Amino acid sequence: MIEILLLGFFLGIRHAMESDHIAAVATLVSRSPSMRESIRLGSIWGLGHTTTLLIFGSSVILLDQIIPERLAMMLEFAVGAMLVLLGIDVLRRLIKTGIHFHLHRHADGSRHWHAHMHHEDGSKHAGDSHAHIHPAPFPLRALLIGMMHGMAGSAALIALTLQSVHSLATGMIYIALFGLGSIAGMAALSVAIMFPLRHSARRFGPLHQYLQLAIGSITLLLGANIMFEIASNGPF
């Protein structure tokens, strides 16, 4: 049983690495101002994911009922729609806060190109020394996205849990450890996503914009593909 519970933890880490999870959290991290905030966003995503898994899991085990396939497909379709919206949001911000190039001319006659990126309010250059960092509010968006992913992925996990354990207590421990694994995995993944974004924003402005473009485009296309695959399999 201990081996099964440990397996749940490592499966949770692996579960965090699924493409739709990575895409969603990448859109969250793309808005983050710091590495610490990125880890926080990934962890809150994992918390939301774990919360819904525990709610759905306890309900299924107590009622001895499986999640209807129709409902599971509807939840997966909703995740696809959510990814499309998240991708569009990244692209919208990219257009609104794009890098601008200006030619600066000095008194000695020398000229050079200067690149900067405005924030969403268009008021400051990225990396201004006088920019102030304020305490970030609770990342409700990350929590809700994690909860949506938890609902969509609960059917397969609960089926696996019911095959592995035979009591409510053990089942809840298994799902909780699975959730802790997903939190740890997504926190680590957030660091991996944030690292190139942070360094490109400081040194290679155009590259940073291309990374943002890639995140938004891939997320949008992935969501559209999920919706298309579910719809092509017939009405749910």
C-alpha atoms as a PDB file:
ATOM      1  CA  MET A   1       0.000   0.000   0.000  1.00  0.00           C
ATOM      2  CA  ILE A   2       2.858   2.396   0.769  1.00  0.00           C
ATOM      3  CA  GLU A   3       4.248   1.735  -2.692  1.00  0.00           C
ATOM      4  CA  ILE A   4       0.843   2.508  -4.226  1.00  0.00           C
ATOM      5  CA  LEU A   5       0.599   5.786  -2.308  1.00  0.00           C
ATOM      6  CA  LEU A   6       4.113   6.809  -3.346  1.00  0.00           C
ATOM      7  CA  LEU A   7       3.223   5.921  -6.906  1.00  0.00           C
ATOM      8  CA  GLY A   8       0.312   8.353  -6.625  1.00  0.00           C
ATOM      9  CA  PHE A   9       2.724  11.167  -5.719  1.00  0.00           C
ATOM     10  CA  PHE A  10       5.021  10.529  -8.675  1.00  0.00           C
ATOM     11  CA  LEU A  11       2.061  10.111 -11.028  1.00  0.00           C
ATOM     12  CA  GLY A  12       0.934  13.534  -9.843  1.00  0.00           C
ATOM     13  CA  ILE A  13       4.284  15.020 -10.866  1.00  0.00           C
ATOM     14  CA  ARG A  14       3.982  13.394 -14.274  1.00  0.00           C
ATOM     15  CA  HIS A  15       0.363  14.515 -14.588  1.00  0.00           C
ATOM     16  CA  ALA A  16       1.442  18.141 -14.191  1.00  0.00           C
ATOM     17  CA  MET A  17       3.551  17.775 -17.349  1.00  0.00           C
ATOM     18  CA  GLU A  18       0.596  17.132 -19.663  1.00  0.00           C
ATOM     19  CA  SER A  19       0.450  19.509 -22.599  1.00  0.00           C
ATOM     20  CA  ASP A  20      -2.801  21.268 -21.705  1.00  0.00           C
ATOM     21  CA  HIS A  21      -1.556  21.875 -18.153  1.00  0.00           C
ATOM     22  CA  ILE A  22       1.760  23.259 -19.374  1.00  0.00           C
ATOM     23  CA  ALA A  23       0.010  25.544 -21.862  1.00  0.00           C
ATOM     24  CA  ALA A  24      -2.406  26.940 -19.270  1.00  0.00           C
ATOM     25  CA  VAL A  25       0.263  27.606 -16.661  1.00  0.00           C
ATOM     26  CA  ALA A  26       2.570  29.118 -19.294  1.00  0.00           C
ATOM     27  CA  THR A  27      -0.110  31.739 -19.989  1.00  0.00           C
ATOM     28  CA  LEU A  28      -0.226  32.494 -16.258  1.00  0.00           C
ATOM     29  CA  VAL A  29       3.554  32.704 -15.933  1.00  0.00           C
ATOM     30  CA  SER A  30       3.750  34.977 -18.964  1.00  0.00           C
ATOM     31  CA  ARG A  31       2.005  37.614 -16.826  1.00  0.00           C
ATOM     32  CA  SER A  32       4.282  37.095 -13.827  1.00  0.00           C
ATOM     33  CA  PRO A  33       6.746  39.799 -12.750  1.00  0.00           C
ATOM     34  CA  SER A  34       9.113  37.527 -10.810  1.00  0.00           C
ATOM     35  CA  MET A  35      10.333  33.984 -10.276  1.00  0.00           C
ATOM     36  CA  ARG A  36       8.711  33.835  -6.845  1.00  0.00           C
ATOM     37  CA  GLU A  37       5.340  34.841  -8.271  1.00  0.00           C
ATOM     38  CA  SER A  38       5.711  32.207 -11.003  1.00  0.00           C
ATOM     39  CA  ILE A  39       6.239  29.480  -8.412  1.00  0.00           C
ATOM     40  CA  ARG A  40       3.255  30.825  -6.502  1.00  0.00           C
ATOM     41  CA  LEU A  41       1.066  30.686  -9.611  1.00  0.00           C
ATOM     42  CA  GLY A  42       2.094  27.110 -10.395  1.00  0.00           C
ATOM     43  CA  SER A  43       1.477  26.034  -6.811  1.00  0.00           C
ATOM     44  CA  ILE A  44      -1.959  27.694  -6.681  1.00  0.00           C
ATOM     45  CA  TRP A  45      -2.846  25.951  -9.954  1.00  0.00           C
ATOM     46  CA  GLY A  46      -1.912  22.674  -8.276  1.00  0.00           C
ATOM     47  CA  LEU A  47      -3.998  23.573  -5.211  1.00  0.00           C
ATOM     48  CA  GLY A  48      -7.079  24.174  -7.335  1.00  0.00           C
ATOM     49  CA  HIS A  49      -6.416  20.981  -9.258  1.00  0.00           C
ATOM     50  CA  THR A  50      -6.116  18.979  -6.042  1.00  0.00           C
ATOM     51  CA  THR A  51      -9.215  20.540  -4.480  1.00  0.00           C
ATOM     52  CA  THR A  52     -11.549  19.410  -7.241  1.00  0.00           C
ATOM     53  CA  LEU A  53      -9.920  15.981  -7.401  1.00  0.00           C
ATOM     54  CA  LEU A  54     -10.606  15.506  -3.688  1.00  0.00           C
ATOM     55  CA  ILE A  55     -14.218  16.712  -4.024  1.00  0.00           C
ATOM     56  CA  PHE A  56     -14.990  14.537  -7.038  1.00  0.00           C
ATOM     57  CA  GLY A  57     -13.014  11.590  -5.668  1.00  0.00           C
ATOM     58  CA  SER A  58     -14.730  11.524  -2.276  1.00  0.00           C
ATOM     59  CA  SER A  59     -18.133  11.840  -3.942  1.00  0.00           C
ATOM     60  CA  VAL A  60     -17.475   8.965  -6.332  1.00  0.00           C
ATOM     61  CA  ILE A  61     -16.057   6.677  -3.654  1.00  0.00           C
ATOM     62  CA  LEU A  62     -18.866   7.433  -1.178  1.00  0.00           C
ATOM     63  CA  LEU A  63     -21.657   7.095  -3.727  1.00  0.00           C
ATOM     64  CA  ASP A  64     -19.965   4.180  -5.520  1.00  0.00           C
ATOM     65  CA  GLN A  65     -20.728   5.817  -8.848  1.00  0.00           C
ATOM     66  CA  ILE A  66     -18.489   6.624 -11.769  1.00  0.00           C
ATOM     67  CA  ILE A  67     -18.461   9.963 -13.565  1.00  0.00           C
ATOM     68  CA  PRO A  68     -20.682   9.704 -16.687  1.00  0.00           C
ATOM     69  CA  GLU A  69     -18.726   9.701 -19.921  1.00  0.00           C
ATOM     70  CA  ARG A  70     -20.922  12.488 -21.298  1.00  0.00           C
ATOM     71  CA  LEU A  71     -20.015  14.746 -18.367  1.00  0.00           C
ATOM     72  CA  ALA A  72     -16.328  13.880 -18.682  1.00  0.00           C
ATOM     73  CA  MET A  73     -16.375  14.825 -22.378  1.00  0.00           C
ATOM     74  CA  MET A  74     -18.165  18.083 -21.637  1.00  0.00           C
ATOM     75  CA  LEU A  75     -15.519  19.001 -19.063  1.00  0.00           C
ATOM     76  CA  GLU A  76     -12.709  18.209 -21.510  1.00  0.00           C
ATOM     77  CA  PHE A  77     -14.419  20.385 -24.126  1.00  0.00           C
ATOM     78  CA  ALA A  78     -14.669  23.196 -21.572  1.00  0.00           C
ATOM     79  CA  VAL A  79     -10.920  22.905 -20.938  1.00  0.00           C
ATOM     80  CA  GLY A  80     -10.314  23.265 -24.674  1.00  0.00           C
ATOM     81  CA  ALA A  81     -12.465  26.402 -24.765  1.00  0.00           C
ATOM     82  CA  MET A  82     -10.612  27.758 -21.730  1.00  0.00           C
ATOM     83  CA  LEU A  83      -7.254  27.250 -23.452  1.00  0.00           C
ATOM     84  CA  VAL A  84      -8.492  29.094 -26.534  1.00  0.00           C
ATOM     85  CA  LEU A  85      -9.494  32.060 -24.368  1.00  0.00           C
ATOM     86  CA  LEU A  86      -6.182  31.993 -22.477  1.00  0.00           C
ATOM     87  CA  GLY A  87      -4.232  31.931 -25.745  1.00  0.00           C
ATOM     88  CA  ILE A  88      -6.250  34.835 -27.110  1.00  0.00           C
ATOM     89  CA  ASP A  89      -5.604  36.776 -23.911  1.00  0.00           C
ATOM     90  CA  VAL A  90      -1.825  36.330 -24.270  1.00  0.00           C
ATOM     91  CA  LEU A  91      -1.952  37.472 -27.896  1.00  0.00           C
ATOM     92  CA  ARG A  92      -4.124  40.440 -26.914  1.00  0.00           C
ATOM     93  CA  ARG A  93      -1.597  41.535 -24.305  1.00  0.00           C
ATOM     94  CA  LEU A  94       1.228  41.005 -26.763  1.00  0.00           C
ATOM     95  CA  ILE A  95      -0.403  43.344 -29.277  1.00  0.00           C
ATOM     96  CA  LYS A  96      -1.205  45.893 -26.577  1.00  0.00           C
ATOM     97  CA  THR A  97       2.251  45.873 -24.958  1.00  0.00           C
ATOM     98  CA  GLY A  98       4.424  45.171 -27.965  1.00  0.00           C
ATOM     99  CA  ILE A  99       8.023  46.304 -28.204  1.00  0.00           C
ATOM    100  CA  HIS A 100       8.580  49.672 -29.825  1.00  0.00           C
ATOM    101  CA  PHE A 101      11.813  50.813 -31.487  1.00  0.00           C
ATOM    102  CA  HIS A 102      12.930  54.412 -31.464  1.00  0.00           C
ATOM    103  CA  LEU A 103      15.954  56.099 -33.025  1.00  0.00           C
ATOM    104  CA  HIS A 104      17.825  58.204 -30.479  1.00  0.00           C
ATOM    105  CA  ARG A 105      20.107  60.995 -31.676  1.00  0.00           C
ATOM    106  CA  HIS A 106      22.770  62.400 -29.341  1.00  0.00           C
ATOM    107  CA  ALA A 107      24.327  65.882 -29.315  1.00  0.00           C
ATOM    108  CA  ASP A 108      27.564  64.554 -30.776  1.00  0.00           C
ATOM    109  CA  GLY A 109      25.677  63.313 -33.801  1.00  0.00           C
ATOM    110  CA  SER A 110      25.777  59.617 -32.909  1.00  0.00           C
ATOM    111  CA  ARG A 111      22.605  57.627 -33.270  1.00  0.00           C
ATOM    112  CA  HIS A 112      21.380  54.318 -31.906  1.00  0.00           C
ATOM    113  CA  TRP A 113      18.176  52.320 -31.793  1.00  0.00           C
ATOM    114  CA  HIS A 114      16.452  51.985 -28.442  1.00  0.00           C
ATOM    115  CA  ALA A 115      13.883  49.261 -27.766  1.00  0.00           C
ATOM    116  CA  HIS A 116      11.405  49.248 -24.954  1.00  0.00           C
ATOM    117  CA  MET A 117       8.180  47.536 -24.006  1.00  0.00           C
ATOM    118  CA  HIS A 118       5.253  49.336 -22.431  1.00  0.00           C
ATOM    119  CA  HIS A 119       3.189  47.822 -19.655  1.00  0.00           C
ATOM    120  CA  GLU A 120      -0.535  47.397 -20.168  1.00  0.00           C
ATOM    121  CA  ASP A 121      -1.204  50.954 -19.049  1.00  0.00           C
ATOM    122  CA  GLY A 122       1.386  52.149 -21.574  1.00  0.00           C
ATOM    123  CA  SER A 123       3.016  54.321 -18.974  1.00  0.00           C
ATOM    124  CA  LYS A 124       6.436  52.837 -18.250  1.00  0.00           C
ATOM    125  CA  HIS A 125       9.257  51.063 -19.957  1.00  0.00           C
ATOM    126  CA  ALA A 126       9.894  47.483 -18.994  1.00  0.00           C
ATOM    127  CA  GLY A 127      12.623  47.327 -16.432  1.00  0.00           C
ATOM    128  CA  ASP A 128      12.377  50.970 -15.321  1.00  0.00           C
ATOM    129  CA  SER A 129      14.351  51.465 -12.164  1.00  0.00           C
ATOM    130  CA  HIS A 130      11.598  53.606 -10.669  1.00  0.00           C
ATOM    131  CA  ALA A 131       8.891  50.965 -11.136  1.00  0.00           C
ATOM    132  CA  HIS A 132       7.397  49.906  -7.824  1.00  0.00           C
ATOM    133  CA  ILE A 133       6.533  46.339  -6.871  1.00  0.00           C
ATOM    134  CA  HIS A 134       3.301  46.043  -4.926  1.00  0.00           C
ATOM    135  CA  PRO A 135       2.043  42.974  -3.040  1.00  0.00           C
ATOM    136  CA  ALA A 136       0.337  40.668  -5.514  1.00  0.00           C
ATOM    137  CA  PRO A 137      -3.305  39.774  -4.831  1.00  0.00           C
ATOM    138  CA  PHE A 138      -4.360  36.172  -4.453  1.00  0.00           C
ATOM    139  CA  PRO A 139      -4.093  34.552  -7.930  1.00  0.00           C
ATOM    140  CA  LEU A 140      -7.743  33.558  -8.294  1.00  0.00           C
ATOM    141  CA  ARG A 141      -7.305  32.949 -12.015  1.00  0.00           C
ATOM    142  CA  ALA A 142      -4.647  30.288 -11.362  1.00  0.00           C
ATOM    143  CA  LEU A 143      -6.889  28.621  -8.764  1.00  0.00           C
ATOM    144  CA  LEU A 144      -9.909  28.511 -11.086  1.00  0.00           C
ATOM    145  CA  ILE A 145      -7.861  27.195 -14.013  1.00  0.00           C
ATOM    146  CA  GLY A 146      -6.456  24.466 -11.774  1.00  0.00           C
ATOM    147  CA  MET A 147      -9.958  23.569 -10.580  1.00  0.00           C
ATOM    148  CA  MET A 148     -11.175  23.295 -14.160  1.00  0.00           C
ATOM    149  CA  HIS A 149      -8.297  20.995 -15.032  1.00  0.00           C
ATOM    150  CA  GLY A 150      -9.009  18.964 -11.902  1.00  0.00           C
ATOM    151  CA  MET A 151     -12.629  18.471 -12.913  1.00  0.00           C
ATOM    152  CA  ALA A 152     -11.684  17.481 -16.456  1.00  0.00           C
ATOM    153  CA  GLY A 153      -9.038  14.981 -15.330  1.00  0.00           C
ATOM    154  CA  SER A 154     -10.929  13.527 -12.413  1.00  0.00           C
ATOM    155  CA  ALA A 155     -12.674  10.703 -14.294  1.00  0.00           C
ATOM    156  CA  ALA A 156      -9.467   8.896 -15.320  1.00  0.00           C
ATOM    157  CA  LEU A 157      -7.762   9.435 -11.968  1.00  0.00           C
ATOM    158  CA  ILE A 158     -10.728   8.215  -9.932  1.00  0.00           C
ATOM    159  CA  ALA A 159     -11.038   5.107 -12.114  1.00  0.00           C
ATOM    160  CA  LEU A 160      -7.347   4.401 -11.436  1.00  0.00           C
ATOM    161  CA  THR A 161      -7.810   5.073  -7.718  1.00  0.00           C
ATOM    162  CA  LEU A 162     -10.753   2.685  -7.421  1.00  0.00           C
ATOM    163  CA  GLN A 163      -8.655  -0.049  -9.012  1.00  0.00           C
ATOM    164  CA  SER A 164      -5.781   0.536  -6.583  1.00  0.00           C
ATOM    165  CA  VAL A 165      -7.456   1.126  -3.206  1.00  0.00           C
ATOM    166  CA  HIS A 166     -10.478  -0.269  -1.421  1.00  0.00           C
ATOM    167  CA  SER A 167     -11.365   2.260   1.274  1.00  0.00           C
ATOM    168  CA  LEU A 168     -12.372   5.908   1.433  1.00  0.00           C
ATOM    169  CA  ALA A 169      -9.474   6.891   3.698  1.00  0.00           C
ATOM    170  CA  THR A 170      -6.845   5.250   1.521  1.00  0.00           C
ATOM    171  CA  GLY A 171      -8.445   6.664  -1.611  1.00  0.00           C
ATOM    172  CA  MET A 172      -8.366  10.183  -0.193  1.00  0.00           C
ATOM    173  CA  ILE A 173      -4.724   9.803   0.832  1.00  0.00           C
ATOM    174  CA  TYR A 174      -3.885   8.538  -2.649  1.00  0.00           C
ATOM    175  CA  ILE A 175      -5.616  11.494  -4.343  1.00  0.00           C
ATOM    176  CA  ALA A 176      -4.057  13.952  -1.873  1.00  0.00           C
ATOM    177  CA  LEU A 177      -0.569  12.624  -2.593  1.00  0.00           C
ATOM    178  CA  PHE A 178      -1.338  12.737  -6.309  1.00  0.00           C
ATOM    179  CA  GLY A 179      -2.339  16.380  -5.821  1.00  0.00           C
ATOM    180  CA  LEU A 180       0.826  17.182  -3.869  1.00  0.00           C
ATOM    181  CA  GLY A 181       2.822  15.674  -6.703  1.00  0.00           C
ATOM    182  CA  SER A 182       1.004  17.873  -9.214  1.00  0.00           C
ATOM    183  CA  ILE A 183       1.688  20.949  -7.057  1.00  0.00           C
ATOM    184  CA  ALA A 184       5.397  20.126  -6.838  1.00  0.00           C
ATOM    185  CA  GLY A 185       5.613  19.312 -10.527  1.00  0.00           C
ATOM    186  CA  MET A 186       3.866  22.478 -11.628  1.00  0.00           C
ATOM    187  CA  ALA A 187       5.908  24.686  -9.278  1.00  0.00           C
ATOM    188  CA  ALA A 188       9.097  23.268 -10.812  1.00  0.00           C
ATOM    189  CA  LEU A 189       7.683  23.625 -14.309  1.00  0.00           C
ATOM    190  CA  SER A 190       6.784  27.265 -13.628  1.00  0.00           C
ATOM    191  CA  VAL A 191      10.452  27.945 -12.873  1.00  0.00           C
ATOM    192  CA  ALA A 192      11.457  26.285 -16.143  1.00  0.00           C
ATOM    193  CA  ILE A 193       8.947  28.408 -18.082  1.00  0.00           C
ATOM    194  CA  MET A 194       9.792  31.639 -16.291  1.00  0.00           C
ATOM    195  CA  PHE A 195      13.561  31.338 -16.684  1.00  0.00           C
ATOM    196  CA  PRO A 196      13.735  32.071 -20.448  1.00  0.00           C
ATOM    197  CA  LEU A 197      10.933  34.648 -20.187  1.00  0.00           C
ATOM    198  CA  ARG A 198      12.725  36.541 -17.427  1.00  0.00           C
ATOM    199  CA  HIS A 199      16.130  36.618 -19.092  1.00  0.00           C
ATOM    200  CA  SER A 200      14.782  37.422 -22.536  1.00  0.00           C
ATOM    201  CA  ALA A 201      12.767  40.334 -21.108  1.00  0.00           C
ATOM    202  CA  ARG A 202      15.929  41.811 -19.581  1.00  0.00           C
ATOM    203  CA  ARG A 203      18.352  41.330 -22.461  1.00  0.00           C
ATOM    204  CA  PHE A 204      16.574  40.306 -25.659  1.00  0.00           C
ATOM    205  CA  GLY A 205      13.315  42.205 -26.000  1.00  0.00           C
ATOM    206  CA  PRO A 206      12.318  40.875 -29.443  1.00  0.00           C
ATOM    207  CA  LEU A 207      13.022  37.288 -28.335  1.00  0.00           C
ATOM    208  CA  HIS A 208      10.782  37.836 -25.326  1.00  0.00           C
ATOM    209  CA  GLN A 209       7.992  38.914 -27.647  1.00  0.00           C
ATOM    210  CA  TYR A 210       8.479  35.831 -29.804  1.00  0.00           C
ATOM    211  CA  LEU A 211       8.273  33.618 -26.719  1.00  0.00           C
ATOM    212  CA  GLN A 212       5.023  35.316 -25.731  1.00  0.00           C
ATOM    213  CA  LEU A 213       3.745  34.831 -29.268  1.00  0.00           C
ATOM    214  CA  ALA A 214       4.627  31.139 -29.131  1.00  0.00           C
ATOM    215  CA  ILE A 215       2.874  30.672 -25.776  1.00  0.00           C
ATOM    216  CA  GLY A 216      -0.295  32.373 -26.956  1.00  0.00           C
ATOM    217  CA  SER A 217      -0.403  30.657 -30.347  1.00  0.00           C
ATOM    218  CA  ILE A 218       0.358  27.151 -29.072  1.00  0.00           C
ATOM    219  CA  THR A 219      -2.180  27.470 -26.260  1.00  0.00           C
ATOM    220  CA  LEU A 220      -4.871  28.655 -28.671  1.00  0.00           C
ATOM    221  CA  LEU A 221      -4.149  25.887 -31.187  1.00  0.00           C
ATOM    222  CA  LEU A 222      -4.007  23.210 -28.492  1.00  0.00           C
ATOM    223  CA  GLY A 223      -7.373  24.289 -27.109  1.00  0.00           C
ATOM    224  CA  ALA A 224      -8.919  24.364 -30.575  1.00  0.00           C
ATOM    225  CA  ASN A 225      -7.538  20.886 -31.283  1.00  0.00           C
ATOM    226  CA  ILE A 226      -9.049  19.495 -28.059  1.00  0.00           C
ATOM    227  CA  MET A 227     -12.439  20.973 -28.943  1.00  0.00           C
ATOM    228  CA  PHE A 228     -12.247  19.665 -32.519  1.00  0.00           C
ATOM    229  CA  GLU A 229     -11.307  16.129 -31.455  1.00  0.00           C
ATOM    230  CA  ILE A 230     -14.158  15.915 -28.962  1.00  0.00           C
ATOM    231  CA  ALA A 231     -16.678  17.399 -31.381  1.00  0.00           C
ATOM    232  CA  SER A 232     -15.548  15.093 -34.207  1.00  0.00           C
ATOM    233  CA  ASN A 233     -16.227  12.029 -32.035  1.00  0.00           C
ATOM    234  CA  GLY A 234     -19.915  12.910 -32.004  1.00  0.00           C
ATOM    235  CA  PRO A 235     -22.182  14.971 -29.760  1.00  0.00           C
ATOM    236  CA  PHE A 236     -21.518  14.630 -26.070  1.00  0.00           C
END
